[in-house]
Amino acid sequence: MQYSYMVIDFADLGGDFAAGLDFIRDCGYEGVELNLTPAVLGQLDAIERAVEACGLVVPSLLTGAAYAEGLCLSVADSHRRAGAVARLREYLPIAQRFNAILVVGLLQGLRADEPDAEVANERIAAGLREVGLAAQDVGVDLVVEPINHLQVGFNNSVGEVRALIERVGVPAFRPMVDTIHMNIEEKSLTQPIFDCGDALRHVHLCESNGGVLGSGHLDFKAVLAALDAIGYAGFASVKVYRQASLREAAPASLAHLRGLAG
């Protein structure tokens, strides 16, 4: 398994983002997960040069920022749904360029967008099917992130995501896990990993409090053991979104994980 560091806000890398990427590499990470915000989309050429120069890869790209523009896969407004599908299709060449996975989560929408879960899932599946078929043509993999019910309206558990992917019926889609969301939605941090088995395509490692790994109560040693047991060989992205800066969180979190494996 390889570790990447998730950069949610590109500004966190600092004014010289190439130096920020160098710092992530020097901490021992092999990749950097990026959020497809306007700040990232506006400088893809420079980012590509910088990651190549420092020897990192971009294993995965987050897509949820587009929800802030009104794009949503579950909403009744067909124009907003079509916009969400079109945007995900526009991201496919970017994912292909970086040889990255596209992560779909927030674009599913909230219960405020569609109160009826069955109606919402029918729309979500239809939209993702269209995206998935286009992704197959260009060799891009996609994952659906199981996000807790406080942040996304639908498919909050790993089991629900697996059922959605089966409903979509396109091999380009695979399941992923995120430890902070599993801590809320699941009875076990490890059983969902075993349930995914060799279909598991991506992992987010996030502490129970969203801070530096090891500062909360999650049993990352058990998570790592489960991933090893299923032979997971992809990337696991460290996600820290509060209580610490990138320069504090990146080295401390990786040191915690390596200490557990030692």
C-alpha atoms as a PDB file:
ATOM      1  CA  MET A   1       0.000   0.000   0.000  1.00  0.00           C
ATOM      2  CA  GLN A   2       1.158   3.505  -0.783  1.00  0.00           C
ATOM      3  CA  TYR A   3       0.334   6.713   1.071  1.00  0.00           C
ATOM      4  CA  SER A   4      -0.820   9.999  -0.387  1.00  0.00           C
ATOM      5  CA  TYR A   5      -1.726  13.239   1.365  1.00  0.00           C
ATOM      6  CA  MET A   6      -5.037  14.930   0.636  1.00  0.00           C
ATOM      7  CA  VAL A   7      -4.884  18.656  -0.153  1.00  0.00           C
ATOM      8  CA  ILE A   8      -8.451  19.896   0.271  1.00  0.00           C
ATOM      9  CA  ASP A   9      -7.616  23.595  -0.058  1.00  0.00           C
ATOM     10  CA  PHE A  10      -4.856  24.209  -2.588  1.00  0.00           C
ATOM     11  CA  ALA A  11      -3.902  27.394  -0.724  1.00  0.00           C
ATOM     12  CA  ASP A  12      -2.646  25.176   2.111  1.00  0.00           C
ATOM     13  CA  LEU A  13       0.397  24.396  -0.012  1.00  0.00           C
ATOM     14  CA  GLY A  14       1.459  28.045   0.291  1.00  0.00           C
ATOM     15  CA  GLY A  15       2.373  30.658  -2.282  1.00  0.00           C
ATOM     16  CA  ASP A  16       5.037  28.416  -3.768  1.00  0.00           C
ATOM     17  CA  PHE A  17       2.950  25.288  -4.243  1.00  0.00           C
ATOM     18  CA  ALA A  18       5.884  23.402  -5.756  1.00  0.00           C
ATOM     19  CA  ALA A  19       7.699  23.798  -2.433  1.00  0.00           C
ATOM     20  CA  GLY A  20       4.590  22.537  -0.650  1.00  0.00           C
ATOM     21  CA  LEU A  21       4.558  19.448  -2.842  1.00  0.00           C
ATOM     22  CA  ASP A  22       8.257  18.936  -2.139  1.00  0.00           C
ATOM     23  CA  PHE A  23       7.447  19.040   1.579  1.00  0.00           C
ATOM     24  CA  ILE A  24       4.786  16.336   1.196  1.00  0.00           C
ATOM     25  CA  ARG A  25       7.269  14.168  -0.700  1.00  0.00           C
ATOM     26  CA  ASP A  26       9.978  14.766   1.896  1.00  0.00           C
ATOM     27  CA  CYS A  27       7.583  13.600   4.618  1.00  0.00           C
ATOM     28  CA  GLY A  28       7.577  10.233   2.857  1.00  0.00           C
ATOM     29  CA  TYR A  29       4.351  10.338   0.853  1.00  0.00           C
ATOM     30  CA  GLU A  30       4.292   8.952  -2.661  1.00  0.00           C
ATOM     31  CA  GLY A  31       1.238  10.840  -3.865  1.00  0.00           C
ATOM     32  CA  VAL A  32      -0.989  13.855  -3.349  1.00  0.00           C
ATOM     33  CA  GLU A  33      -4.774  13.763  -3.637  1.00  0.00           C
ATOM     34  CA  LEU A  34      -6.189  16.988  -5.067  1.00  0.00           C
ATOM     35  CA  ASN A  35      -9.598  18.630  -4.860  1.00  0.00           C
ATOM     36  CA  LEU A  36     -10.857  19.867  -8.239  1.00  0.00           C
ATOM     37  CA  THR A  37     -11.557  23.420  -7.098  1.00  0.00           C
ATOM     38  CA  PRO A  38     -11.325  26.407  -9.453  1.00  0.00           C
ATOM     39  CA  ALA A  39      -7.843  27.101  -8.027  1.00  0.00           C
ATOM     40  CA  VAL A  40      -6.649  23.660  -9.155  1.00  0.00           C
ATOM     41  CA  LEU A  41      -8.511  23.624 -12.460  1.00  0.00           C
ATOM     42  CA  GLY A  42      -6.985  26.973 -13.364  1.00  0.00           C
ATOM     43  CA  GLN A  43      -3.379  25.774 -13.165  1.00  0.00           C
ATOM     44  CA  LEU A  44      -3.347  22.141 -14.203  1.00  0.00           C
ATOM     45  CA  ASP A  45      -0.292  22.568 -16.443  1.00  0.00           C
ATOM     46  CA  ALA A  46       1.798  24.013 -13.606  1.00  0.00           C
ATOM     47  CA  ILE A  47       0.570  21.362 -11.180  1.00  0.00           C
ATOM     48  CA  GLU A  48       1.436  18.585 -13.603  1.00  0.00           C
ATOM     49  CA  ARG A  49       4.955  19.961 -14.038  1.00  0.00           C
ATOM     50  CA  ALA A  50       5.396  20.339 -10.282  1.00  0.00           C
ATOM     51  CA  VAL A  51       4.273  16.833  -9.334  1.00  0.00           C
ATOM     52  CA  GLU A  52       6.444  15.318 -12.033  1.00  0.00           C
ATOM     53  CA  ALA A  53       9.435  17.400 -10.936  1.00  0.00           C
ATOM     54  CA  CYS A  54       9.138  16.342  -7.294  1.00  0.00           C
ATOM     55  CA  GLY A  55       8.417  12.690  -8.046  1.00  0.00           C
ATOM     56  CA  LEU A  56       4.889  12.524  -6.646  1.00  0.00           C
ATOM     57  CA  VAL A  57       1.850  11.093  -8.391  1.00  0.00           C
ATOM     58  CA  VAL A  58      -1.778  12.210  -8.218  1.00  0.00           C
ATOM     59  CA  PRO A  59      -3.645   8.969  -7.521  1.00  0.00           C
ATOM     60  CA  SER A  60      -7.071  10.519  -6.993  1.00  0.00           C
ATOM     61  CA  LEU A  61      -9.128  13.658  -7.596  1.00  0.00           C
ATOM     62  CA  LEU A  62     -12.064  14.906  -5.526  1.00  0.00           C
ATOM     63  CA  THR A  63     -15.112  16.238  -7.380  1.00  0.00           C
ATOM     64  CA  GLY A  64     -17.383  17.595  -4.637  1.00  0.00           C
ATOM     65  CA  ALA A  65     -16.442  21.249  -5.096  1.00  0.00           C
ATOM     66  CA  ALA A  66     -18.759  21.372  -8.121  1.00  0.00           C
ATOM     67  CA  TYR A  67     -21.762  20.948  -5.806  1.00  0.00           C
ATOM     68  CA  ALA A  68     -21.233  24.552  -4.661  1.00  0.00           C
ATOM     69  CA  GLU A  69     -22.045  25.604  -8.234  1.00  0.00           C
ATOM     70  CA  GLY A  70     -25.500  24.025  -7.992  1.00  0.00           C
ATOM     71  CA  LEU A  71     -24.594  20.810  -9.773  1.00  0.00           C
ATOM     72  CA  CYS A  72     -26.261  17.752  -8.269  1.00  0.00           C
ATOM     73  CA  LEU A  73     -27.028  14.201  -9.396  1.00  0.00           C
ATOM     74  CA  SER A  74     -30.213  13.714  -7.351  1.00  0.00           C
ATOM     75  CA  VAL A  75     -32.055  17.019  -7.689  1.00  0.00           C
ATOM     76  CA  ALA A  76     -35.374  17.243  -9.562  1.00  0.00           C
ATOM     77  CA  ASP A  77     -34.071  20.020 -11.831  1.00  0.00           C
ATOM     78  CA  SER A  78     -32.948  18.133 -14.933  1.00  0.00           C
ATOM     79  CA  HIS A  79     -30.610  20.953 -15.986  1.00  0.00           C
ATOM     80  CA  ARG A  80     -28.691  20.738 -12.699  1.00  0.00           C
ATOM     81  CA  ARG A  81     -28.511  16.944 -13.009  1.00  0.00           C
ATOM     82  CA  ALA A  82     -27.305  17.168 -16.584  1.00  0.00           C
ATOM     83  CA  GLY A  83     -24.753  19.752 -15.476  1.00  0.00           C
ATOM     84  CA  ALA A  84     -23.396  17.375 -12.841  1.00  0.00           C
ATOM     85  CA  VAL A  85     -23.050  14.584 -15.392  1.00  0.00           C
ATOM     86  CA  ALA A  86     -21.431  16.923 -17.899  1.00  0.00           C
ATOM     87  CA  ARG A  87     -18.981  18.176 -15.293  1.00  0.00           C
ATOM     88  CA  LEU A  88     -17.932  14.665 -14.303  1.00  0.00           C
ATOM     89  CA  ARG A  89     -17.436  13.840 -17.961  1.00  0.00           C
ATOM     90  CA  GLU A  90     -15.315  16.990 -18.316  1.00  0.00           C
ATOM     91  CA  TYR A  91     -13.147  15.732 -15.469  1.00  0.00           C
ATOM     92  CA  LEU A  92     -12.417  12.434 -17.236  1.00  0.00           C
ATOM     93  CA  PRO A  93      -9.619  13.819 -19.456  1.00  0.00           C
ATOM     94  CA  ILE A  94      -8.052  15.404 -16.363  1.00  0.00           C
ATOM     95  CA  ALA A  95      -8.138  12.076 -14.536  1.00  0.00           C
ATOM     96  CA  GLN A  96      -6.715  10.377 -17.625  1.00  0.00           C
ATOM     97  CA  ARG A  97      -3.957  12.991 -17.801  1.00  0.00           C
ATOM     98  CA  PHE A  98      -2.855  12.297 -14.226  1.00  0.00           C
ATOM     99  CA  ASN A  99      -3.720   8.574 -14.321  1.00  0.00           C
ATOM    100  CA  ALA A 100      -5.985   9.309 -11.365  1.00  0.00           C
ATOM    101  CA  ILE A 101      -9.227   7.966  -9.911  1.00  0.00           C
ATOM    102  CA  LEU A 102     -12.236  10.285  -9.787  1.00  0.00           C
ATOM    103  CA  VAL A 103     -13.923  10.338  -6.377  1.00  0.00           C
ATOM    104  CA  VAL A 104     -17.693  11.005  -6.388  1.00  0.00           C
ATOM    105  CA  GLY A 105     -19.382  11.890  -3.112  1.00  0.00           C
ATOM    106  CA  LEU A 106     -21.064  15.223  -2.427  1.00  0.00           C
ATOM    107  CA  LEU A 107     -22.327  15.534  -6.004  1.00  0.00           C
ATOM    108  CA  GLN A 108     -24.959  12.953  -5.061  1.00  0.00           C
ATOM    109  CA  GLY A 109     -26.661  15.738  -3.137  1.00  0.00           C
ATOM    110  CA  LEU A 110     -28.540  16.187   0.138  1.00  0.00           C
ATOM    111  CA  ARG A 111     -32.007  15.195   1.291  1.00  0.00           C
ATOM    112  CA  ALA A 112     -32.911  18.848   0.748  1.00  0.00           C
ATOM    113  CA  ASP A 113     -32.220  18.258  -2.946  1.00  0.00           C
ATOM    114  CA  GLU A 114     -34.491  15.186  -3.064  1.00  0.00           C
ATOM    115  CA  PRO A 115     -36.285  13.891   0.056  1.00  0.00           C
ATOM    116  CA  ASP A 116     -37.202  10.533  -1.516  1.00  0.00           C
ATOM    117  CA  ALA A 117     -34.154   8.259  -1.332  1.00  0.00           C
ATOM    118  CA  GLU A 118     -35.425   5.833  -3.972  1.00  0.00           C
ATOM    119  CA  VAL A 119     -36.098   8.621  -6.463  1.00  0.00           C
ATOM    120  CA  ALA A 120     -32.724  10.137  -5.656  1.00  0.00           C
ATOM    121  CA  ASN A 121     -30.883   6.858  -6.171  1.00  0.00           C
ATOM    122  CA  GLU A 122     -32.620   6.264  -9.472  1.00  0.00           C
ATOM    123  CA  ARG A 123     -31.375   9.648 -10.687  1.00  0.00           C
ATOM    124  CA  ILE A 124     -27.913   9.170  -9.191  1.00  0.00           C
ATOM    125  CA  ALA A 125     -27.521   5.740 -10.784  1.00  0.00           C
ATOM    126  CA  ALA A 126     -28.679   6.999 -14.172  1.00  0.00           C
ATOM    127  CA  GLY A 127     -26.216   9.885 -14.100  1.00  0.00           C
ATOM    128  CA  LEU A 128     -23.325   7.762 -12.916  1.00  0.00           C
ATOM    129  CA  ARG A 129     -24.080   5.129 -15.539  1.00  0.00           C
ATOM    130  CA  GLU A 130     -23.613   7.741 -18.260  1.00  0.00           C
ATOM    131  CA  VAL A 131     -20.364   8.932 -16.693  1.00  0.00           C
ATOM    132  CA  GLY A 132     -19.148   5.376 -16.152  1.00  0.00           C
ATOM    133  CA  LEU A 133     -19.691   4.368 -19.765  1.00  0.00           C
ATOM    134  CA  ALA A 134     -17.707   7.417 -20.904  1.00  0.00           C
ATOM    135  CA  ALA A 135     -15.002   6.600 -18.343  1.00  0.00           C
ATOM    136  CA  GLN A 136     -14.647   3.087 -19.719  1.00  0.00           C
ATOM    137  CA  ASP A 137     -13.899   4.512 -23.140  1.00  0.00           C
ATOM    138  CA  VAL A 138     -10.913   6.462 -21.802  1.00  0.00           C
ATOM    139  CA  GLY A 139      -9.733   3.974 -19.182  1.00  0.00           C
ATOM    140  CA  VAL A 140     -10.576   5.999 -16.066  1.00  0.00           C
ATOM    141  CA  ASP A 141     -11.705   4.389 -12.808  1.00  0.00           C
ATOM    142  CA  LEU A 142     -14.239   6.051 -10.520  1.00  0.00           C
ATOM    143  CA  VAL A 143     -15.129   5.437  -6.897  1.00  0.00           C
ATOM    144  CA  VAL A 144     -18.162   6.430  -4.883  1.00  0.00           C
ATOM    145  CA  GLU A 145     -17.220   7.646  -1.426  1.00  0.00           C
ATOM    146  CA  PRO A 146     -19.522   6.550   1.411  1.00  0.00           C
ATOM    147  CA  ILE A 147     -20.002   9.862   3.250  1.00  0.00           C
ATOM    148  CA  ASN A 148     -21.850  10.080   6.548  1.00  0.00           C
ATOM    149  CA  HIS A 149     -25.500  11.153   6.708  1.00  0.00           C
ATOM    150  CA  LEU A 150     -24.627  14.532   8.239  1.00  0.00           C
ATOM    151  CA  GLN A 151     -22.798  15.582   5.076  1.00  0.00           C
ATOM    152  CA  VAL A 152     -24.450  13.742   2.157  1.00  0.00           C
ATOM    153  CA  GLY A 153     -28.032  12.625   1.759  1.00  0.00           C
ATOM    154  CA  PHE A 154     -27.562   9.214   0.183  1.00  0.00           C
ATOM    155  CA  ASN A 155     -25.417   6.060   0.191  1.00  0.00           C
ATOM    156  CA  ASN A 156     -23.771   6.793   3.508  1.00  0.00           C
ATOM    157  CA  SER A 157     -22.530   3.288   4.317  1.00  0.00           C
ATOM    158  CA  VAL A 158     -20.119   1.110   2.387  1.00  0.00           C
ATOM    159  CA  GLY A 159     -22.903  -1.425   1.849  1.00  0.00           C
ATOM    160  CA  GLU A 160     -25.166   1.220   0.340  1.00  0.00           C
ATOM    161  CA  VAL A 161     -22.385   2.348  -1.973  1.00  0.00           C
ATOM    162  CA  ARG A 162     -21.755  -1.222  -3.071  1.00  0.00           C
ATOM    163  CA  ALA A 163     -25.479  -1.604  -3.822  1.00  0.00           C
ATOM    164  CA  LEU A 164     -25.448   1.654  -5.808  1.00  0.00           C
ATOM    165  CA  ILE A 165     -22.462   0.498  -7.849  1.00  0.00           C
ATOM    166  CA  GLU A 166     -24.255  -2.766  -8.605  1.00  0.00           C
ATOM    167  CA  ARG A 167     -27.273  -0.730  -9.702  1.00  0.00           C
ATOM    168  CA  VAL A 168     -25.112   1.442 -11.967  1.00  0.00           C
ATOM    169  CA  GLY A 169     -23.771  -1.745 -13.524  1.00  0.00           C
ATOM    170  CA  VAL A 170     -20.625  -0.293 -15.082  1.00  0.00           C
ATOM    171  CA  PRO A 171     -17.236  -1.856 -14.200  1.00  0.00           C
ATOM    172  CA  ALA A 172     -15.531   1.557 -14.171  1.00  0.00           C
ATOM    173  CA  PHE A 173     -17.113   2.156 -10.747  1.00  0.00           C
ATOM    174  CA  ARG A 174     -15.570   0.615  -7.642  1.00  0.00           C
ATOM    175  CA  PRO A 175     -16.119   1.095  -3.897  1.00  0.00           C
ATOM    176  CA  MET A 176     -13.852   2.947  -1.485  1.00  0.00           C
ATOM    177  CA  VAL A 177     -13.760   3.436   2.278  1.00  0.00           C
ATOM    178  CA  ASP A 178     -13.154   6.454   4.503  1.00  0.00           C
ATOM    179  CA  THR A 179     -12.451   5.802   8.175  1.00  0.00           C
ATOM    180  CA  ILE A 180     -14.112   8.926   9.592  1.00  0.00           C
ATOM    181  CA  HIS A 181     -17.357   8.153   7.773  1.00  0.00           C
ATOM    182  CA  MET A 182     -17.180   4.472   8.743  1.00  0.00           C
ATOM    183  CA  ASN A 183     -16.778   5.583  12.365  1.00  0.00           C
ATOM    184  CA  ILE A 184     -20.225   7.219  12.097  1.00  0.00           C
ATOM    185  CA  GLU A 185     -22.097   4.844   9.802  1.00  0.00           C
ATOM    186  CA  GLU A 186     -20.682   1.378  10.416  1.00  0.00           C
ATOM    187  CA  LYS A 187     -20.635  -1.111  13.275  1.00  0.00           C
ATOM    188  CA  SER A 188     -17.061  -2.075  12.393  1.00  0.00           C
ATOM    189  CA  LEU A 189     -14.040  -0.335  10.898  1.00  0.00           C
ATOM    190  CA  THR A 190     -12.808  -3.549   9.332  1.00  0.00           C
ATOM    191  CA  GLN A 191     -15.793  -5.583   8.144  1.00  0.00           C
ATOM    192  CA  PRO A 192     -16.638  -3.138   5.315  1.00  0.00           C
ATOM    193  CA  ILE A 193     -13.072  -3.552   4.076  1.00  0.00           C
ATOM    194  CA  PHE A 194     -13.455  -7.335   4.025  1.00  0.00           C
ATOM    195  CA  ASP A 195     -16.863  -6.959   2.345  1.00  0.00           C
ATOM    196  CA  CYS A 196     -15.256  -4.967  -0.486  1.00  0.00           C
ATOM    197  CA  GLY A 197     -12.388  -7.420  -0.824  1.00  0.00           C
ATOM    198  CA  ASP A 198     -10.420  -7.125  -4.024  1.00  0.00           C
ATOM    199  CA  ALA A 199     -13.000  -4.691  -5.439  1.00  0.00           C
ATOM    200  CA  LEU A 200     -11.737  -1.972  -3.062  1.00  0.00           C
ATOM    201  CA  ARG A 201     -10.181   0.771  -5.177  1.00  0.00           C
ATOM    202  CA  HIS A 202      -9.352   3.645  -2.817  1.00  0.00           C
ATOM    203  CA  VAL A 203      -8.981   4.496   0.878  1.00  0.00           C
ATOM    204  CA  HIS A 204      -9.194   7.671   2.953  1.00  0.00           C
ATOM    205  CA  LEU A 205      -7.575   7.530   6.386  1.00  0.00           C
ATOM    206  CA  CYS A 206      -9.121  10.199   8.597  1.00  0.00           C
ATOM    207  CA  GLU A 207      -9.142  10.441  12.399  1.00  0.00           C
ATOM    208  CA  SER A 208     -12.376  10.490  14.421  1.00  0.00           C
ATOM    209  CA  ASN A 209     -11.870  14.191  15.161  1.00  0.00           C
ATOM    210  CA  GLY A 210     -10.639  15.143  11.681  1.00  0.00           C
ATOM    211  CA  GLY A 211      -7.227  15.978  13.135  1.00  0.00           C
ATOM    212  CA  VAL A 212      -3.761  14.443  13.013  1.00  0.00           C
ATOM    213  CA  LEU A 213      -3.911  10.659  12.846  1.00  0.00           C
ATOM    214  CA  GLY A 214      -3.433   9.304  16.333  1.00  0.00           C
ATOM    215  CA  SER A 215      -5.108  12.270  18.037  1.00  0.00           C
ATOM    216  CA  GLY A 216      -8.536  10.598  18.124  1.00  0.00           C
ATOM    217  CA  HIS A 217      -9.822   7.133  18.949  1.00  0.00           C
ATOM    218  CA  LEU A 218      -9.790   5.243  15.653  1.00  0.00           C
ATOM    219  CA  ASP A 219      -7.991   1.894  15.549  1.00  0.00           C
ATOM    220  CA  PHE A 220      -5.825   2.444  12.513  1.00  0.00           C
ATOM    221  CA  LYS A 221      -3.745  -0.618  13.328  1.00  0.00           C
ATOM    222  CA  ALA A 222      -6.816  -2.797  12.763  1.00  0.00           C
ATOM    223  CA  VAL A 223      -7.655  -0.898   9.567  1.00  0.00           C
ATOM    224  CA  LEU A 224      -4.147  -1.400   8.185  1.00  0.00           C
ATOM    225  CA  ALA A 225      -4.245  -5.078   9.109  1.00  0.00           C
ATOM    226  CA  ALA A 226      -7.563  -5.514   7.285  1.00  0.00           C
ATOM    227  CA  LEU A 227      -6.213  -3.777   4.194  1.00  0.00           C
ATOM    228  CA  ASP A 228      -3.162  -6.024   4.284  1.00  0.00           C
ATOM    229  CA  ALA A 229      -5.359  -9.098   4.710  1.00  0.00           C
ATOM    230  CA  ILE A 230      -7.289  -8.382   1.502  1.00  0.00           C
ATOM    231  CA  GLY A 231      -4.083  -7.617  -0.373  1.00  0.00           C
ATOM    232  CA  TYR A 232      -4.928  -3.974  -0.963  1.00  0.00           C
ATOM    233  CA  ALA A 233      -2.095  -2.459  -3.002  1.00  0.00           C
ATOM    234  CA  GLY A 234      -3.530   0.930  -3.960  1.00  0.00           C
ATOM    235  CA  PHE A 235      -3.197   4.338  -2.357  1.00  0.00           C
ATOM    236  CA  ALA A 236      -4.470   5.363   1.046  1.00  0.00           C
ATOM    237  CA  SER A 237      -4.869   9.121   1.353  1.00  0.00           C
ATOM    238  CA  VAL A 238      -4.293  10.758   4.713  1.00  0.00           C
ATOM    239  CA  LYS A 239      -7.055  13.307   5.302  1.00  0.00           C
ATOM    240  CA  VAL A 240      -6.643  16.003   7.966  1.00  0.00           C
ATOM    241  CA  TYR A 241      -9.044  18.926   7.745  1.00  0.00           C
ATOM    242  CA  ARG A 242      -8.937  20.549  11.178  1.00  0.00           C
ATOM    243  CA  GLN A 243      -6.832  21.204  14.275  1.00  0.00           C
ATOM    244  CA  ALA A 244      -3.481  21.216  12.445  1.00  0.00           C
ATOM    245  CA  SER A 245      -1.752  22.806   9.474  1.00  0.00           C
ATOM    246  CA  LEU A 246      -0.468  20.765   6.572  1.00  0.00           C
ATOM    247  CA  ARG A 247       3.096  21.111   7.838  1.00  0.00           C
ATOM    248  CA  GLU A 248       2.050  19.801  11.236  1.00  0.00           C
ATOM    249  CA  ALA A 249      -0.364  17.122  10.059  1.00  0.00           C
ATOM    250  CA  ALA A 250       1.476  15.525   7.143  1.00  0.00           C
ATOM    251  CA  PRO A 251       4.623  14.317   8.957  1.00  0.00           C
ATOM    252  CA  ALA A 252       2.902  13.445  12.246  1.00  0.00           C
ATOM    253  CA  SER A 253       0.142  11.417  10.590  1.00  0.00           C
ATOM    254  CA  LEU A 254       2.515   9.367   8.465  1.00  0.00           C
ATOM    255  CA  ALA A 255       4.768   8.777  11.466  1.00  0.00           C
ATOM    256  CA  HIS A 256       1.741   7.449  13.370  1.00  0.00           C
ATOM    257  CA  LEU A 257       0.849   5.023  10.562  1.00  0.00           C
ATOM    258  CA  ARG A 258       4.416   3.794  10.190  1.00  0.00           C
ATOM    259  CA  GLY A 259       4.659   3.305  13.935  1.00  0.00           C
ATOM    260  CA  LEU A 260       1.609   1.035  13.831  1.00  0.00           C
ATOM    261  CA  ALA A 261       3.084  -1.040  11.037  1.00  0.00           C
ATOM    262  CA  GLY A 262       6.422  -1.364  12.777  1.00  0.00           C
END
